[in-house]
C-alpha atoms as a PDB file:
ATOM      1  CA  MET A   1      30.340  15.004  68.444  1.00  0.00           C
ATOM      2  CA  LYS A   2      27.076  16.762  67.514  1.00  0.00           C
ATOM      3  CA  LYS A   3      26.797  14.585  64.413  1.00  0.00           C
ATOM      4  CA  ASN A   4      27.107  11.400  66.527  1.00  0.00           C
ATOM      5  CA  ILE A   5      24.420  12.593  68.961  1.00  0.00           C
ATOM      6  CA  VAL A   6      22.046  13.407  66.093  1.00  0.00           C
ATOM      7  CA  LEU A   7      22.630   9.980  64.532  1.00  0.00           C
ATOM      8  CA  ILE A   8      22.021   8.256  67.869  1.00  0.00           C
ATOM      9  CA  LEU A   9      18.784  10.205  68.371  1.00  0.00           C
ATOM     10  CA  ILE A  10      17.568   9.362  64.860  1.00  0.00           C
ATOM     11  CA  ALA A  11      18.442   5.682  65.328  1.00  0.00           C
ATOM     12  CA  SER A  12      16.635   5.658  68.695  1.00  0.00           C
ATOM     13  CA  CYS A  13      13.508   7.192  67.171  1.00  0.00           C
ATOM     14  CA  LEU A  14      13.523   4.700  64.315  1.00  0.00           C
ATOM     15  CA  TYR A  15      13.940   1.801  66.742  1.00  0.00           C
ATOM     16  CA  PHE A  16      11.174   3.096  69.010  1.00  0.00           C
ATOM     17  CA  SER A  17       8.731   3.574  66.133  1.00  0.00           C
ATOM     18  CA  ALA A  18       9.641   0.223  64.552  1.00  0.00           C
ATOM     19  CA  GLU A  19       8.794  -1.545  67.805  1.00  0.00           C
ATOM     20  CA  ALA A  20       5.422   0.167  68.337  1.00  0.00           C
ATOM     21  CA  THR A  21       2.332  -1.975  67.738  1.00  0.00           C
ATOM     22  CA  SER A  22      -1.291  -1.104  66.990  1.00  0.00           C
ATOM     23  CA  ARG A  23      -3.854  -3.252  68.785  1.00  0.00           C
ATOM     24  CA  LEU A  24      -7.474  -3.330  67.600  1.00  0.00           C
ATOM     25  CA  VAL A  25     -10.439  -3.686  69.971  1.00  0.00           C
ATOM     26  CA  PRO A  26     -12.606  -5.696  69.494  1.00  0.00           C
ATOM     27  CA  GLY A  27     -10.876  -7.061  66.359  1.00  0.00           C
ATOM     28  CA  ASN A  28      -7.793  -8.574  68.021  1.00  0.00           C
ATOM     29  CA  TYR A  29      -8.730  -8.149  71.699  1.00  0.00           C
ATOM     30  CA  SER A  30     -12.075  -8.607  73.406  1.00  0.00           C
ATOM     31  CA  SER A  31     -11.674  -5.594  75.703  1.00  0.00           C
ATOM     32  CA  VAL A  32      -9.752  -2.358  76.019  1.00  0.00           C
ATOM     33  CA  GLN A  33      -8.143  -3.723  79.188  1.00  0.00           C
ATOM     34  CA  ASP A  34      -6.935  -6.872  77.385  1.00  0.00           C
ATOM     35  CA  ALA A  35      -5.266  -4.733  74.694  1.00  0.00           C
ATOM     36  CA  LEU A  36      -3.688  -2.401  77.241  1.00  0.00           C
ATOM     37  CA  ASN A  37      -2.429  -5.353  79.312  1.00  0.00           C
ATOM     38  CA  VAL A  38      -0.152  -6.459  76.470  1.00  0.00           C
ATOM     39  CA  SER A  39       0.817  -2.969  75.309  1.00  0.00           C
ATOM     40  CA  LYS A  40       4.333  -1.624  75.678  1.00  0.00           C
ATOM     41  CA  ALA A  41       5.931   1.809  75.283  1.00  0.00           C
ATOM     42  CA  GLY A  42       4.786   3.567  72.117  1.00  0.00           C
ATOM     43  CA  ASP A  43       1.888   1.211  71.312  1.00  0.00           C
ATOM     44  CA  THR A  44      -1.520   2.400  70.137  1.00  0.00           C
ATOM     45  CA  VAL A  45      -4.775   0.743  71.149  1.00  0.00           C
ATOM     46  CA  LEU A  46      -7.392   1.445  68.483  1.00  0.00           C
ATOM     47  CA  VAL A  47     -10.995   1.041  69.599  1.00  0.00           C
ATOM     48  CA  ASP A  48     -13.854   0.486  67.181  1.00  0.00           C
ATOM     49  CA  ASP A  49     -17.423   1.696  67.707  1.00  0.00           C
ATOM     50  CA  GLY A  50     -19.431   0.543  70.703  1.00  0.00           C
ATOM     51  CA  VAL A  51     -19.822   0.781  74.454  1.00  0.00           C
ATOM     52  CA  PHE A  52     -16.927  -0.740  76.380  1.00  0.00           C
ATOM     53  CA  THR A  53     -17.844  -1.269  80.026  1.00  0.00           C
ATOM     54  CA  GLY A  54     -15.290  -1.668  82.795  1.00  0.00           C
ATOM     55  CA  ASN A  55     -12.688   0.110  84.850  1.00  0.00           C
ATOM     56  CA  ILE A  56      -9.435   0.486  82.959  1.00  0.00           C
ATOM     57  CA  ILE A  57      -6.074   0.223  84.725  1.00  0.00           C
ATOM     58  CA  TRP A  58      -3.414   1.824  82.525  1.00  0.00           C
ATOM     59  CA  PRO A  59      -0.123  -0.065  82.185  1.00  0.00           C
ATOM     60  CA  ASN A  60       3.008   1.653  83.448  1.00  0.00           C
ATOM     61  CA  TYR A  61       4.642   2.202  80.062  1.00  0.00           C
ATOM     62  CA  ASN A  62       5.467   5.517  78.446  1.00  0.00           C
ATOM     63  CA  GLY A  63       3.768   6.755  75.303  1.00  0.00           C
ATOM     64  CA  ILE A  64       0.738   4.464  75.032  1.00  0.00           C
ATOM     65  CA  VAL A  65      -2.107   5.969  73.003  1.00  0.00           C
ATOM     66  CA  LEU A  66      -5.743   4.915  73.471  1.00  0.00           C
ATOM     67  CA  LYS A  67      -7.611   6.106  70.372  1.00  0.00           C
ATOM     68  CA  SER A  68     -11.105   5.610  69.039  1.00  0.00           C
ATOM     69  CA  LEU A  69     -11.403   4.806  65.341  1.00  0.00           C
ATOM     70  CA  HIS A  70     -14.496   6.961  64.710  1.00  0.00           C
ATOM     71  CA  GLY A  71     -14.554   9.499  67.508  1.00  0.00           C
ATOM     72  CA  LYS A  72     -16.373  10.395  70.682  1.00  0.00           C
ATOM     73  CA  GLU A  73     -19.847   9.983  69.204  1.00  0.00           C
ATOM     74  CA  ALA A  74     -19.170   6.331  68.338  1.00  0.00           C
ATOM     75  CA  SER A  75     -16.878   4.930  71.077  1.00  0.00           C
ATOM     76  CA  PHE A  76     -17.868   4.932  74.745  1.00  0.00           C
ATOM     77  CA  LEU A  77     -15.829   3.968  77.807  1.00  0.00           C
ATOM     78  CA  ASP A  78     -18.343   3.268  80.579  1.00  0.00           C
ATOM     79  CA  GLY A  79     -17.252   2.817  84.204  1.00  0.00           C
ATOM     80  CA  ASN A  80     -20.506   1.071  85.199  1.00  0.00           C
ATOM     81  CA  ALA A  81     -20.591   3.243  88.372  1.00  0.00           C
ATOM     82  CA  ALA A  82     -17.866   1.019  89.882  1.00  0.00           C
ATOM     83  CA  GLY A  83     -14.893   3.401  90.280  1.00  0.00           C
ATOM     84  CA  SER A  84     -12.867   5.623  87.984  1.00  0.00           C
ATOM     85  CA  VAL A  85     -13.348   4.750  84.325  1.00  0.00           C
ATOM     86  CA  ILE A  86      -9.582   5.057  83.732  1.00  0.00           C
ATOM     87  CA  THR A  87      -6.892   4.898  86.431  1.00  0.00           C
ATOM     88  CA  ILE A  88      -3.292   5.774  85.608  1.00  0.00           C
ATOM     89  CA  ASN A  89      -0.608   5.366  88.288  1.00  0.00           C
ATOM     90  CA  GLY A  90       2.459   6.322  86.295  1.00  0.00           C
ATOM     91  CA  THR A  91       5.997   7.187  87.142  1.00  0.00           C
ATOM     92  CA  PRO A  92       7.135  10.789  86.684  1.00  0.00           C
ATOM     93  CA  ASN A  93       6.972  11.751  83.001  1.00  0.00           C
ATOM     94  CA  THR A  94       4.885   8.758  81.928  1.00  0.00           C
ATOM     95  CA  VAL A  95       2.929  10.032  78.902  1.00  0.00           C
ATOM     96  CA  ALA A  96      -0.598   8.680  78.403  1.00  0.00           C
ATOM     97  CA  THR A  97      -2.865   9.826  75.553  1.00  0.00           C
ATOM     98  CA  ILE A  98      -6.645   9.340  75.380  1.00  0.00           C
ATOM     99  CA  ASP A  99      -8.196  10.443  72.088  1.00  0.00           C
ATOM    100  CA  GLY A 100     -11.765  10.408  70.800  1.00  0.00           C
ATOM    101  CA  PHE A 101     -14.056   8.831  73.419  1.00  0.00           C
ATOM    102  CA  THR A 102     -17.111   9.550  75.466  1.00  0.00           C
ATOM    103  CA  ILE A 103     -15.974   8.692  79.000  1.00  0.00           C
ATOM    104  CA  GLN A 104     -18.994   8.171  81.202  1.00  0.00           C
ATOM    105  CA  ASN A 105     -20.541   6.655  84.288  1.00  0.00           C
ATOM    106  CA  GLY A 106     -17.528   6.725  86.589  1.00  0.00           C
ATOM    107  CA  PHE A 107     -18.294   6.771  90.306  1.00  0.00           C
ATOM    108  CA  VAL A 108     -15.874   7.473  93.162  1.00  0.00           C
ATOM    109  CA  ARG A 109     -16.759   7.659  96.852  1.00  0.00           C
ATOM    110  CA  ALA A 110     -14.158   9.906  98.484  1.00  0.00           C
ATOM    111  CA  THR A 111     -13.439   8.876 102.061  1.00  0.00           C
ATOM    112  CA  SER A 112     -10.500   9.674 104.259  1.00  0.00           C
ATOM    113  CA  SER A 113      -9.609  10.425 107.849  1.00  0.00           C
ATOM    114  CA  ASN A 114      -6.421  12.335 106.995  1.00  0.00           C
ATOM    115  CA  GLY A 115      -7.827  14.899 104.567  1.00  0.00           C
ATOM    116  CA  TYR A 116      -6.725  13.253 101.313  1.00  0.00           C
ATOM    117  CA  VAL A 117      -9.369  13.367  98.639  1.00  0.00           C
ATOM    118  CA  ALA A 118      -9.672  10.875  95.842  1.00  0.00           C
ATOM    119  CA  GLY A 119     -11.279  12.072  92.653  1.00  0.00           C
ATOM    120  CA  GLY A 120     -11.411  11.726  88.932  1.00  0.00           C
ATOM    121  CA  ALA A 121     -14.442   9.556  88.372  1.00  0.00           C
ATOM    122  CA  ALA A 122     -13.756   9.654  84.623  1.00  0.00           C
ATOM    123  CA  VAL A 123      -9.930   9.711  84.696  1.00  0.00           C
ATOM    124  CA  ASN A 124      -7.748   9.508  87.808  1.00  0.00           C
ATOM    125  CA  ALA A 125      -4.088  10.142  86.948  1.00  0.00           C
ATOM    126  CA  VAL A 126      -1.081  10.167  89.284  1.00  0.00           C
ATOM    127  CA  ASN A 127       2.517  10.956  88.189  1.00  0.00           C
ATOM    128  CA  THR A 128       1.491  11.227  84.568  1.00  0.00           C
ATOM    129  CA  VAL A 129       1.714  13.550  81.609  1.00  0.00           C
ATOM    130  CA  LEU A 130      -1.934  13.130  80.625  1.00  0.00           C
ATOM    131  CA  ILE A 131      -3.132  14.172  77.171  1.00  0.00           C
ATOM    132  CA  VAL A 132      -6.898  14.052  76.686  1.00  0.00           C
ATOM    133  CA  LYS A 133      -8.282  15.228  73.359  1.00  0.00           C
ATOM    134  CA  ASN A 134     -11.485  15.042  71.343  1.00  0.00           C
ATOM    135  CA  CYS A 135     -13.438  13.543  74.244  1.00  0.00           C
ATOM    136  CA  ASN A 136     -16.790  13.946  75.966  1.00  0.00           C
ATOM    137  CA  ILE A 137     -16.437  13.605  79.746  1.00  0.00           C
ATOM    138  CA  THR A 138     -19.988  13.150  80.982  1.00  0.00           C
ATOM    139  CA  GLU A 139     -22.175  11.789  83.767  1.00  0.00           C
ATOM    140  CA  ASN A 140     -19.372  10.954  86.184  1.00  0.00           C
ATOM    141  CA  ARG A 141     -19.963  11.276  89.919  1.00  0.00           C
ATOM    142  CA  LEU A 142     -17.790  11.963  92.956  1.00  0.00           C
ATOM    143  CA  THR A 143     -19.412  11.707  96.370  1.00  0.00           C
ATOM    144  CA  GLY A 144     -18.243  11.862  99.953  1.00  0.00           C
ATOM    145  CA  ASP A 145     -18.105  13.669 103.257  1.00  0.00           C
ATOM    146  CA  ILE A 146     -16.075  16.828 102.618  1.00  0.00           C
ATOM    147  CA  GLU A 147     -15.994  17.889 106.288  1.00  0.00           C
ATOM    148  CA  HIS A 148     -12.471  16.476 106.738  1.00  0.00           C
ATOM    149  CA  PHE A 149     -11.085  17.133 103.255  1.00  0.00           C
ATOM    150  CA  SER A 150      -8.538  19.849 102.593  1.00  0.00           C
ATOM    151  CA  ASP A 151      -9.045  19.704  98.827  1.00  0.00           C
ATOM    152  CA  CYS A 152     -11.808  18.624  96.542  1.00  0.00           C
ATOM    153  CA  THR A 153     -10.846  17.188  93.170  1.00  0.00           C
ATOM    154  CA  GLY A 154     -12.961  16.985  90.052  1.00  0.00           C
ATOM    155  CA  ALA A 155     -15.612  14.459  89.270  1.00  0.00           C
ATOM    156  CA  GLY A 156     -14.340  14.431  85.688  1.00  0.00           C
ATOM    157  CA  ILE A 157     -10.535  14.366  85.779  1.00  0.00           C
ATOM    158  CA  ASN A 158      -8.098  14.284  88.691  1.00  0.00           C
ATOM    159  CA  ALA A 159      -4.432  14.887  87.861  1.00  0.00           C
ATOM    160  CA  ASP A 160      -2.333  14.442  91.021  1.00  0.00           C
ATOM    161  CA  ALA A 161       1.389  15.250  90.644  1.00  0.00           C
ATOM    162  CA  SER A 162       0.688  15.244  86.908  1.00  0.00           C
ATOM    163  CA  LYS A 163       0.812  17.515  83.894  1.00  0.00           C
ATOM    164  CA  LEU A 164      -2.494  17.845  82.082  1.00  0.00           C
ATOM    165  CA  ASN A 165      -3.161  18.787  78.461  1.00  0.00           C
ATOM    166  CA  ILE A 166      -6.844  18.868  77.474  1.00  0.00           C
ATOM    167  CA  SER A 167      -7.992  19.909  74.017  1.00  0.00           C
ATOM    168  CA  ASN A 168     -11.295  19.812  72.150  1.00  0.00           C
ATOM    169  CA  CYS A 169     -13.144  18.142  75.028  1.00  0.00           C
ATOM    170  CA  ASN A 170     -16.636  18.680  76.403  1.00  0.00           C
ATOM    171  CA  PHE A 171     -17.443  18.326  80.109  1.00  0.00           C
ATOM    172  CA  SER A 172     -21.093  17.907  81.115  1.00  0.00           C
ATOM    173  CA  GLU A 173     -23.177  16.528  83.952  1.00  0.00           C
ATOM    174  CA  ASN A 174     -20.196  15.560  86.114  1.00  0.00           C
ATOM    175  CA  THR A 175     -21.230  16.002  89.738  1.00  0.00           C
ATOM    176  CA  PHE A 176     -19.849  16.164  93.253  1.00  0.00           C
ATOM    177  CA  ASP A 177     -22.340  15.241  95.975  1.00  0.00           C
ATOM    178  CA  SER A 178     -21.353  16.105  99.527  1.00  0.00           C
ATOM    179  CA  THR A 179     -22.743  14.166 102.442  1.00  0.00           C
ATOM    180  CA  TYR A 180     -21.609  16.942 104.818  1.00  0.00           C
END
């Protein structure tokens, strides 16, 4: 019985890895969002050097990796002060990995009448196992009236009902401005 389970697990891993695809931005896709839109479980989106402006909505597939080719000094994800740079609304145990970027210029205005606070101007993750490594999280801004808020989340990363693993990352100049 144990032998059959081991063989099934090995076959499943081989199938999963055989189906994974690497997608190159801007080589094969014009934007990070375009590459993520067609990604499935286990895929890797590789991003070349440059500044990639926009607000990224992560697809609801497990195991997608967003990785810069040359690291955080060469690849920038810029939110253009128009919301969270990256938003991930996963299902429980959805794993999302972000590796090797400067994530900057996210802007979230937290407003609520019931005390719920939005956050995560750089990365806003819900129901996700979020792995962030080798990144600079910088110059992201959260603003709002905190008079009615029961919690205040970070201007950099918000992980709501999520597990968070951060390694080799720098956080700088991320701010929360209260209008209270």
